[in-house]
Amino acid sequence: MTKTGILCSLCLLLALPLSGSGDEFPERFSRDTAGALNEFGCLRPLPPSGDGPKRLVMGDSNGLLHVYEERDGAFEEIWVSDYLEGAISGLDVVDVNDDELLEIVVFTDRGRLHYFDIQEYNTLWSNPPTEYGKITAQTIRNIDDDPQPELIFCAAGRLIIFDGRDQFEEWRSDEENFATTDILVADIDGDDEDEIVLNDGYVFDARFHTLEWQSPESFGERMGVLDIDDDGIMELIGEFNGRFLRIFDIDLRREKSLKP
């Protein structure tokens, strides 16, 4: 790939969220605004009910979950939760328990996990209050052979794989000193198997949970993936200090040089 092609690819990357579910936000948002909203880990669109209006769900730092509905060209709050015992640090809208219905899955920074239904916003399940001390990063992906997704998160310094349907820990890391603030799941070494990447420099096999590589340096505050040299293998793009990008070849276990 030429230098121009690489720069175009990076410009495309910057126009897209580095992480998130990739759901489309309502058309009334401008391109710039919608792009920014797509990057927020605590804001997601809810599917409309039939021909009903557009809805959004948002979690705030005060530990409250809000649902907004489009009315007369603006969004109006139609529901707010009780206090969820910690600032909302992440949420997603996904069929987490394999019942063919979408749920709102909420993470709080104090280690609480909550499921809500998307119609009446009733609480479907919550984990015990003292199960985890603190959750610093999270994502939801199906990384094994069962039909339901897994909740993948760092809590109290450990990487946890949590069964979304039956609500139990499938695995936790022996390492207990992770300072992770972003988690990415993707095939980033070209072996046709996903890896779990922690932004503080750890790469795990997603299926067997073995540590594949511990980088001597972090991968930035946020991460994304893009094949920028047309070799069929995704490169890891790390964002540092909110704006600077560095590129890593995970298969070669090194930072990638873009010099000719």
Protein backbone atom coordinates (compact mmCIF):
# COMPACT_ATOMS: atom_id res chain seq x y z
CA MET A 1 0.00 0.00 0.00
CA THR A 2 1.27 3.50 -0.84
CA LYS A 3 1.83 6.25 1.72
CA THR A 4 -1.25 7.99 0.36
CA GLY A 5 -3.30 4.84 0.81
CA ILE A 6 -2.09 4.45 4.38
CA LEU A 7 -2.98 8.05 5.19
CA CYS A 8 -6.43 7.64 3.65
CA SER A 9 -6.97 4.51 5.68
CA LEU A 10 -6.01 6.33 8.87
CA CYS A 11 -8.33 9.21 7.99
CA LEU A 12 -11.12 6.66 7.56
CA LEU A 13 -10.23 5.19 10.94
CA LEU A 14 -10.40 8.59 12.57
CA ALA A 15 -13.88 9.13 11.10
CA LEU A 16 -15.14 5.93 12.71
CA PRO A 17 -15.39 4.86 16.34
CA LEU A 18 -12.29 3.09 17.64
CA SER A 19 -14.51 0.81 19.69
CA GLY A 20 -18.19 0.20 20.30
CA SER A 21 -21.08 -1.72 18.84
CA GLY A 22 -21.22 0.15 15.53
CA ASP A 23 -24.99 0.75 15.82
CA GLU A 24 -26.43 3.60 13.79
CA PHE A 25 -27.66 6.66 15.62
CA PRO A 26 -30.76 8.59 14.50
CA GLU A 27 -30.49 10.34 11.17
CA ARG A 28 -31.25 13.76 12.70
CA PHE A 29 -27.74 13.87 14.18
CA SER A 30 -25.16 15.48 11.95
CA ARG A 31 -22.25 13.41 10.66
CA ASP A 32 -19.87 14.92 13.23
CA THR A 33 -22.28 14.59 16.13
CA ALA A 34 -23.29 11.04 15.26
CA GLY A 35 -19.65 10.05 14.98
CA ALA A 36 -18.95 11.42 18.42
CA LEU A 37 -21.99 9.70 19.93
CA ASN A 38 -20.99 6.38 18.42
CA GLU A 39 -17.78 6.57 20.40
CA PHE A 40 -19.53 6.94 23.76
CA GLY A 41 -19.53 3.65 25.66
CA CYS A 42 -22.52 4.66 27.78
CA LEU A 43 -24.91 5.70 24.99
CA ARG A 44 -26.72 3.36 22.62
CA PRO A 45 -29.74 3.50 20.29
CA LEU A 46 -32.69 1.29 21.20
CA PRO A 47 -34.66 -0.42 18.43
CA PRO A 48 -38.05 1.22 17.86
CA SER A 49 -41.18 -0.70 18.74
CA GLY A 50 -42.85 -1.31 15.39
CA ASP A 51 -43.35 2.10 13.79
CA GLY A 52 -42.65 3.83 17.09
CA PRO A 53 -40.26 6.73 17.62
CA LYS A 54 -36.50 6.48 17.93
CA ARG A 55 -35.11 5.89 21.42
CA LEU A 56 -31.73 6.21 23.11
CA VAL A 57 -30.44 4.73 26.36
CA MET A 58 -27.74 6.55 28.30
CA GLY A 59 -25.93 5.88 31.57
CA ASP A 60 -24.46 8.73 33.60
CA SER A 61 -21.76 9.24 36.21
CA ASN A 62 -24.39 9.52 38.95
CA GLY A 63 -25.31 5.86 38.53
CA LEU A 64 -28.59 6.42 36.67
CA LEU A 65 -29.83 4.91 33.42
CA HIS A 66 -31.95 7.17 31.20
CA VAL A 67 -34.13 6.42 28.17
CA TYR A 68 -34.91 9.19 25.69
CA GLU A 69 -37.54 9.19 22.94
CA GLU A 70 -37.74 11.40 19.87
CA ARG A 71 -40.74 13.73 20.08
CA ASP A 72 -41.38 16.70 17.81
CA GLY A 73 -37.83 16.73 16.50
CA ALA A 74 -36.09 16.54 19.87
CA PHE A 75 -35.28 13.82 22.39
CA GLU A 76 -37.21 13.78 25.66
CA GLU A 77 -36.51 11.66 28.74
CA ILE A 78 -39.25 9.06 29.24
CA TRP A 79 -37.69 6.88 31.95
CA VAL A 80 -34.92 6.97 34.55
CA SER A 81 -33.70 4.11 36.72
CA ASP A 82 -33.09 3.93 40.43
CA TYR A 83 -29.50 4.36 41.57
CA LEU A 84 -27.45 1.44 40.20
CA GLU A 85 -24.69 1.50 42.82
CA GLY A 86 -21.85 3.12 40.94
CA ALA A 87 -21.24 5.37 37.97
CA ILE A 88 -22.30 3.76 34.70
CA SER A 89 -19.03 2.83 33.00
CA GLY A 90 -20.38 0.90 30.01
CA LEU A 91 -23.56 -0.43 28.45
CA ASP A 92 -24.71 -2.29 25.38
CA VAL A 93 -27.94 -3.48 23.78
CA VAL A 94 -27.58 -7.17 22.93
CA ASP A 95 -29.30 -10.55 23.31
CA VAL A 96 -27.14 -11.46 26.26
CA ASN A 97 -29.07 -14.51 27.49
CA ASP A 98 -29.96 -16.23 24.19
CA ASP A 99 -33.72 -15.69 24.53
CA GLU A 100 -34.04 -14.04 21.08
CA LEU A 101 -34.80 -10.69 22.75
CA LEU A 102 -32.50 -7.73 23.18
CA GLU A 103 -31.50 -6.61 26.66
CA ILE A 104 -29.75 -3.52 28.01
CA VAL A 105 -26.57 -4.69 29.75
CA VAL A 106 -25.07 -2.21 32.19
CA PHE A 107 -21.67 -2.14 33.90
CA THR A 108 -20.88 0.17 36.81
CA ASP A 109 -17.44 1.22 37.98
CA ARG A 110 -18.13 -0.37 41.38
CA GLY A 111 -18.49 -3.85 39.96
CA ARG A 112 -22.23 -4.13 39.41
CA LEU A 113 -23.76 -5.84 36.37
CA HIS A 114 -27.42 -5.27 35.47
CA TYR A 115 -29.74 -6.54 32.72
CA PHE A 116 -32.86 -4.54 31.74
CA ASP A 117 -35.57 -5.34 29.22
CA ILE A 118 -35.89 -2.82 26.39
CA GLN A 119 -39.65 -2.29 26.54
CA GLU A 120 -40.64 -1.69 30.17
CA TYR A 121 -37.06 -1.25 31.47
CA ASN A 122 -37.58 -3.77 34.24
CA THR A 123 -34.51 -5.23 35.95
CA LEU A 124 -34.04 -8.80 34.73
CA TRP A 125 -30.91 -9.66 36.72
CA SER A 126 -28.18 -8.06 38.82
CA ASN A 127 -25.02 -9.55 40.26
CA PRO A 128 -24.36 -9.50 44.02
CA PRO A 129 -23.20 -6.08 45.31
CA THR A 130 -19.85 -7.31 46.64
CA GLU A 131 -18.89 -9.71 43.84
CA TYR A 132 -16.43 -7.33 42.18
CA GLY A 133 -14.68 -4.38 43.70
CA LYS A 134 -14.21 -2.25 40.57
CA ILE A 135 -14.68 -2.67 36.81
CA THR A 136 -12.26 -0.60 34.71
CA ALA A 137 -12.97 -1.86 31.17
CA GLN A 138 -15.52 -4.09 29.48
CA THR A 139 -16.88 -5.44 26.22
CA ILE A 140 -19.42 -8.08 25.15
CA ARG A 141 -18.61 -10.70 22.51
CA ASN A 142 -19.30 -14.35 21.77
CA ILE A 143 -15.85 -15.93 21.98
CA ASP A 144 -16.68 -19.64 22.29
CA ASP A 145 -18.95 -22.33 20.83
CA ASP A 146 -22.10 -21.64 22.85
CA PRO A 147 -24.80 -19.38 21.35
CA GLN A 148 -24.76 -16.62 23.97
CA PRO A 149 -22.17 -13.85 24.25
CA GLU A 150 -19.67 -13.46 27.06
CA LEU A 151 -19.13 -10.40 29.21
CA ILE A 152 -15.40 -9.67 29.09
CA PHE A 153 -14.17 -7.21 31.68
CA CYS A 154 -11.36 -6.25 34.01
CA ALA A 155 -12.33 -6.19 37.68
CA ALA A 156 -10.04 -5.60 40.63
CA GLY A 157 -7.04 -6.00 38.33
CA ARG A 158 -8.09 -9.33 36.80
CA LEU A 159 -9.46 -10.24 33.36
CA ILE A 160 -12.86 -11.96 33.77
CA ILE A 161 -14.82 -14.01 31.22
CA PHE A 162 -18.47 -14.16 32.33
CA ASP A 163 -21.24 -16.27 30.80
CA GLY A 164 -24.01 -13.93 29.67
CA ARG A 165 -26.89 -16.39 29.85
CA ASP A 166 -26.20 -18.39 32.99
CA GLN A 167 -24.41 -15.59 34.85
CA PHE A 168 -21.30 -17.33 36.09
CA GLU A 169 -17.56 -16.82 35.73
CA GLU A 170 -16.15 -19.01 32.98
CA TRP A 171 -12.58 -17.92 33.67
CA ARG A 172 -10.47 -15.36 35.48
CA SER A 173 -6.81 -14.53 34.96
CA ASP A 174 -4.08 -15.45 37.39
CA GLU A 175 -2.62 -12.00 36.81
CA GLU A 176 -4.18 -9.48 39.18
CA ASN A 177 -2.39 -6.24 38.38
CA PHE A 178 -3.99 -5.14 35.10
CA ALA A 179 -4.48 -1.39 34.70
CA THR A 180 -6.78 -1.88 31.70
CA THR A 181 -9.12 0.89 30.56
CA ASP A 182 -10.00 -0.46 27.09
CA ILE A 183 -10.60 -3.99 25.76
CA LEU A 184 -10.74 -5.05 22.12
CA VAL A 185 -11.66 -8.45 20.66
CA ALA A 186 -10.50 -9.20 17.10
CA ASP A 187 -8.25 -11.44 15.02
CA ILE A 188 -5.15 -9.27 15.02
CA ASP A 189 -2.45 -11.81 14.17
CA GLY A 190 -3.95 -13.52 11.11
CA ASP A 191 -4.55 -16.94 12.68
CA ASP A 192 -8.36 -16.86 12.08
CA GLU A 193 -8.94 -16.85 15.84
CA ASP A 194 -9.89 -13.85 17.93
CA GLU A 195 -7.62 -12.32 20.53
CA ILE A 196 -8.57 -10.32 23.61
CA VAL A 197 -6.37 -7.22 23.68
CA LEU A 198 -5.96 -5.11 26.82
CA ASN A 199 -4.75 -1.60 26.20
CA ASP A 200 -2.08 -1.87 28.91
CA GLY A 201 -0.22 -4.25 26.62
CA TYR A 202 -1.60 -7.78 27.05
CA VAL A 203 -2.84 -10.09 24.27
CA PHE A 204 -4.81 -13.25 25.17
CA ASP A 205 -6.17 -16.03 23.01
CA ALA A 206 -9.94 -15.46 23.16
CA ARG A 207 -10.95 -19.11 23.09
CA PHE A 208 -8.37 -20.70 25.40
CA HIS A 209 -7.48 -17.57 27.42
CA THR A 210 -3.73 -18.17 27.18
CA LEU A 211 -1.42 -15.16 27.28
CA GLU A 212 0.03 -14.79 23.78
CA TRP A 213 2.09 -11.67 24.29
CA GLN A 214 2.88 -9.09 26.95
CA SER A 215 4.05 -5.91 25.26
CA PRO A 216 6.72 -3.88 27.05
CA GLU A 217 4.56 -0.78 26.48
CA SER A 218 0.89 0.05 26.38
CA PHE A 219 -1.29 0.24 23.27
CA GLY A 220 -2.71 3.67 24.17
CA GLU A 221 -5.91 4.84 25.83
CA ARG A 222 -8.15 3.56 23.03
CA MET A 223 -7.68 0.92 20.35
CA GLY A 224 -8.99 0.05 16.92
CA VAL A 225 -8.03 -2.33 14.12
CA LEU A 226 -7.41 -1.76 10.42
CA ASP A 227 -5.44 -3.58 7.71
CA ILE A 228 -3.33 -0.67 6.45
CA ASP A 229 -0.79 -2.58 4.35
CA ASP A 230 -3.12 -4.98 2.48
CA ASP A 231 -1.47 -8.11 3.89
CA GLY A 232 -4.74 -9.60 5.14
CA ILE A 233 -3.77 -9.10 8.80
CA MET A 234 -5.26 -6.37 10.94
CA GLU A 235 -2.94 -3.86 12.52
CA LEU A 236 -3.68 -2.54 16.01
CA ILE A 237 -4.13 1.24 16.09
CA GLY A 238 -3.58 2.86 19.48
CA GLU A 239 -4.65 6.38 20.37
CA PHE A 240 -2.45 8.24 22.86
CA ASN A 241 -3.23 11.44 24.75
CA GLY A 242 -6.57 11.70 22.96
CA ARG A 243 -5.12 12.39 19.50
CA PHE A 244 -1.79 10.72 18.62
CA LEU A 245 -1.81 7.38 16.81
CA ARG A 246 0.68 4.54 16.91
CA ILE A 247 0.41 1.32 14.90
CA PHE A 248 1.36 -2.15 16.10
CA ASP A 249 1.95 -5.40 14.22
CA ILE A 250 0.71 -7.90 16.80
CA ASP A 251 1.69 -10.89 14.64
CA LEU A 252 5.29 -9.59 14.58
CA ARG A 253 5.09 -8.27 18.17
CA ARG A 254 6.41 -4.81 17.42
CA GLU A 255 5.42 -1.29 16.55
CA LYS A 256 4.94 -0.83 12.81
CA SER A 257 7.11 1.57 10.91
CA LEU A 258 5.44 3.58 8.13
CA LYS A 259 8.73 4.89 6.79
CA PRO A 260 9.53 3.97 3.16
